[in-house]
Amino acid sequence: MFYSNTDPAASKAGENPVKTGPKGYNEWLELQEDAIVKIGLPTDGRALVLGPYREQLFDSILDAQEVLAPKGSLVLCAGPVGSQFVVTLK
């Protein structure tokens, strides 16, 4: 197991750029308020949105649109080292 911090500061209204770091670990954002979430994916990237009780709300492999996520939800961005995501919150 590896501990991965969430980044509440990066989850503000508008576009939030997310980049996987040099070790290729998944990046997490925690929503500070209810939001409609849309995720721009890089090649070979995957994104999940988990609700406040960690139920799956969105999976980029299965879902192609935006999702309503309540406060406390987590956005997971996973991809190769240096992958660029854009998480848009409305």
C-alpha atoms as a PDB file:
ATOM      1  CA  MET A   1       0.000   0.000   0.000  1.00  0.00           C
ATOM      2  CA  PHE A   2       1.099   3.514  -0.775  1.00  0.00           C
ATOM      3  CA  TYR A   3      -0.430   6.630   0.777  1.00  0.00           C
ATOM      4  CA  SER A   4      -1.493   9.246  -1.753  1.00  0.00           C
ATOM      5  CA  ASN A   5      -2.606  12.707  -0.674  1.00  0.00           C
ATOM      6  CA  THR A   6      -5.679  14.420  -2.114  1.00  0.00           C
ATOM      7  CA  ASP A   7      -5.298  17.973  -3.366  1.00  0.00           C
ATOM      8  CA  PRO A   8      -8.298  20.097  -2.317  1.00  0.00           C
ATOM      9  CA  ALA A   9      -6.551  23.309  -3.445  1.00  0.00           C
ATOM     10  CA  ALA A  10      -6.566  22.082  -7.050  1.00  0.00           C
ATOM     11  CA  SER A  11     -10.309  21.451  -7.120  1.00  0.00           C
ATOM     12  CA  LYS A  12     -11.769  24.881  -7.812  1.00  0.00           C
ATOM     13  CA  ALA A  13     -14.448  25.947 -10.305  1.00  0.00           C
ATOM     14  CA  GLY A  14     -13.163  26.059 -13.872  1.00  0.00           C
ATOM     15  CA  GLU A  15     -10.282  24.114 -15.392  1.00  0.00           C
ATOM     16  CA  ASN A  16      -7.897  22.304 -13.057  1.00  0.00           C
ATOM     17  CA  PRO A  17      -4.781  20.942 -14.778  1.00  0.00           C
ATOM     18  CA  VAL A  18      -3.497  17.678 -13.314  1.00  0.00           C
ATOM     19  CA  LYS A  19      -0.192  16.024 -14.237  1.00  0.00           C
ATOM     20  CA  THR A  20       1.084  12.649 -13.065  1.00  0.00           C
ATOM     21  CA  GLY A  21       4.429  13.043 -11.361  1.00  0.00           C
ATOM     22  CA  PRO A  22       7.839  11.544 -12.158  1.00  0.00           C
ATOM     23  CA  LYS A  23       7.066   8.318 -10.287  1.00  0.00           C
ATOM     24  CA  GLY A  24       3.800   7.808 -12.181  1.00  0.00           C
ATOM     25  CA  TYR A  25       1.603   7.672  -9.097  1.00  0.00           C
ATOM     26  CA  ASN A  26      -2.112   8.368  -9.451  1.00  0.00           C
ATOM     27  CA  GLU A  27      -3.202  11.921  -8.714  1.00  0.00           C
ATOM     28  CA  TRP A  28      -6.252  12.641  -6.544  1.00  0.00           C
ATOM     29  CA  LEU A  29      -8.461  15.706  -6.152  1.00  0.00           C
ATOM     30  CA  GLU A  30     -11.051  16.125  -3.407  1.00  0.00           C
ATOM     31  CA  LEU A  31     -14.115  18.215  -4.242  1.00  0.00           C
ATOM     32  CA  GLN A  32     -14.786  20.973  -1.738  1.00  0.00           C
ATOM     33  CA  GLU A  33     -18.351  21.500  -2.992  1.00  0.00           C
ATOM     34  CA  ASP A  34     -20.933  19.865  -5.258  1.00  0.00           C
ATOM     35  CA  ALA A  35     -19.831  20.103  -8.896  1.00  0.00           C
ATOM     36  CA  ILE A  36     -20.456  18.886 -12.406  1.00  0.00           C
ATOM     37  CA  VAL A  37     -17.199  17.175 -13.349  1.00  0.00           C
ATOM     38  CA  LYS A  38     -15.829  16.747 -16.866  1.00  0.00           C
ATOM     39  CA  ILE A  39     -12.374  15.256 -17.434  1.00  0.00           C
ATOM     40  CA  GLY A  40     -10.110  15.784 -20.434  1.00  0.00           C
ATOM     41  CA  LEU A  41      -7.976  12.660 -20.810  1.00  0.00           C
ATOM     42  CA  PRO A  42      -4.521  12.118 -22.272  1.00  0.00           C
ATOM     43  CA  THR A  43      -3.732   9.103 -24.437  1.00  0.00           C
ATOM     44  CA  ASP A  44      -3.564   6.022 -22.190  1.00  0.00           C
ATOM     45  CA  GLY A  45      -5.135   7.944 -19.293  1.00  0.00           C
ATOM     46  CA  ARG A  46      -8.034   6.876 -17.119  1.00  0.00           C
ATOM     47  CA  ALA A  47     -10.179   8.814 -14.679  1.00  0.00           C
ATOM     48  CA  LEU A  48     -12.609   7.796 -11.958  1.00  0.00           C
ATOM     49  CA  VAL A  49     -14.941   9.834  -9.780  1.00  0.00           C
ATOM     50  CA  LEU A  50     -15.795   8.292  -6.423  1.00  0.00           C
ATOM     51  CA  GLY A  51     -18.616   9.647  -4.272  1.00  0.00           C
ATOM     52  CA  PRO A  52     -18.223  10.672  -0.635  1.00  0.00           C
ATOM     53  CA  TYR A  53     -18.876   7.065   0.447  1.00  0.00           C
ATOM     54  CA  ARG A  54     -16.366   5.879  -2.207  1.00  0.00           C
ATOM     55  CA  GLU A  55     -19.066   4.544  -4.528  1.00  0.00           C
ATOM     56  CA  GLN A  56     -18.118   4.794  -8.205  1.00  0.00           C
ATOM     57  CA  LEU A  57     -19.900   7.653  -9.984  1.00  0.00           C
ATOM     58  CA  PHE A  58     -17.841   7.810 -13.186  1.00  0.00           C
ATOM     59  CA  ASP A  59     -15.271   5.703 -15.062  1.00  0.00           C
ATOM     60  CA  SER A  60     -13.764   7.105 -18.257  1.00  0.00           C
ATOM     61  CA  ILE A  61     -13.635   3.605 -19.758  1.00  0.00           C
ATOM     62  CA  LEU A  62     -17.430   3.301 -19.502  1.00  0.00           C
ATOM     63  CA  ASP A  63     -18.697   6.886 -19.377  1.00  0.00           C
ATOM     64  CA  ALA A  64     -18.099   9.642 -21.919  1.00  0.00           C
ATOM     65  CA  GLN A  65     -19.879  12.663 -20.462  1.00  0.00           C
ATOM     66  CA  GLU A  66     -19.826  14.738 -17.329  1.00  0.00           C
ATOM     67  CA  VAL A  67     -21.049  13.642 -13.922  1.00  0.00           C
ATOM     68  CA  LEU A  68     -22.640  15.392 -10.937  1.00  0.00           C
ATOM     69  CA  ALA A  69     -20.445  14.745  -7.904  1.00  0.00           C
ATOM     70  CA  PRO A  70     -21.262  15.872  -4.356  1.00  0.00           C
ATOM     71  CA  LYS A  71     -18.896  17.595  -1.944  1.00  0.00           C
ATOM     72  CA  GLY A  72     -16.294  15.154  -0.597  1.00  0.00           C
ATOM     73  CA  SER A  73     -16.085  13.160  -3.840  1.00  0.00           C
ATOM     74  CA  LEU A  74     -12.672  12.120  -5.134  1.00  0.00           C
ATOM     75  CA  VAL A  75     -11.388  12.461  -8.688  1.00  0.00           C
ATOM     76  CA  LEU A  76      -8.670   9.957  -9.631  1.00  0.00           C
ATOM     77  CA  CYS A  77      -6.381  10.626 -12.592  1.00  0.00           C
ATOM     78  CA  ALA A  78      -4.188   7.693 -13.634  1.00  0.00           C
ATOM     79  CA  GLY A  79      -1.782   7.433 -16.535  1.00  0.00           C
ATOM     80  CA  PRO A  80       1.860   7.133 -17.557  1.00  0.00           C
ATOM     81  CA  VAL A  81       4.466   9.506 -16.093  1.00  0.00           C
ATOM     82  CA  GLY A  82       3.823  13.102 -17.166  1.00  0.00           C
ATOM     83  CA  SER A  83       0.245  12.501 -18.339  1.00  0.00           C
ATOM     84  CA  GLN A  84      -1.767  15.737 -18.572  1.00  0.00           C
ATOM     85  CA  PHE A  85      -5.438  15.801 -17.507  1.00  0.00           C
ATOM     86  CA  VAL A  86      -7.872  18.716 -17.354  1.00  0.00           C
ATOM     87  CA  VAL A  87     -10.548  18.396 -14.671  1.00  0.00           C
ATOM     88  CA  THR A  88     -13.285  20.960 -15.296  1.00  0.00           C
ATOM     89  CA  LEU A  89     -15.681  21.752 -12.458  1.00  0.00           C
ATOM     90  CA  LYS A  90     -18.936  23.689 -12.874  1.00  0.00           C
END
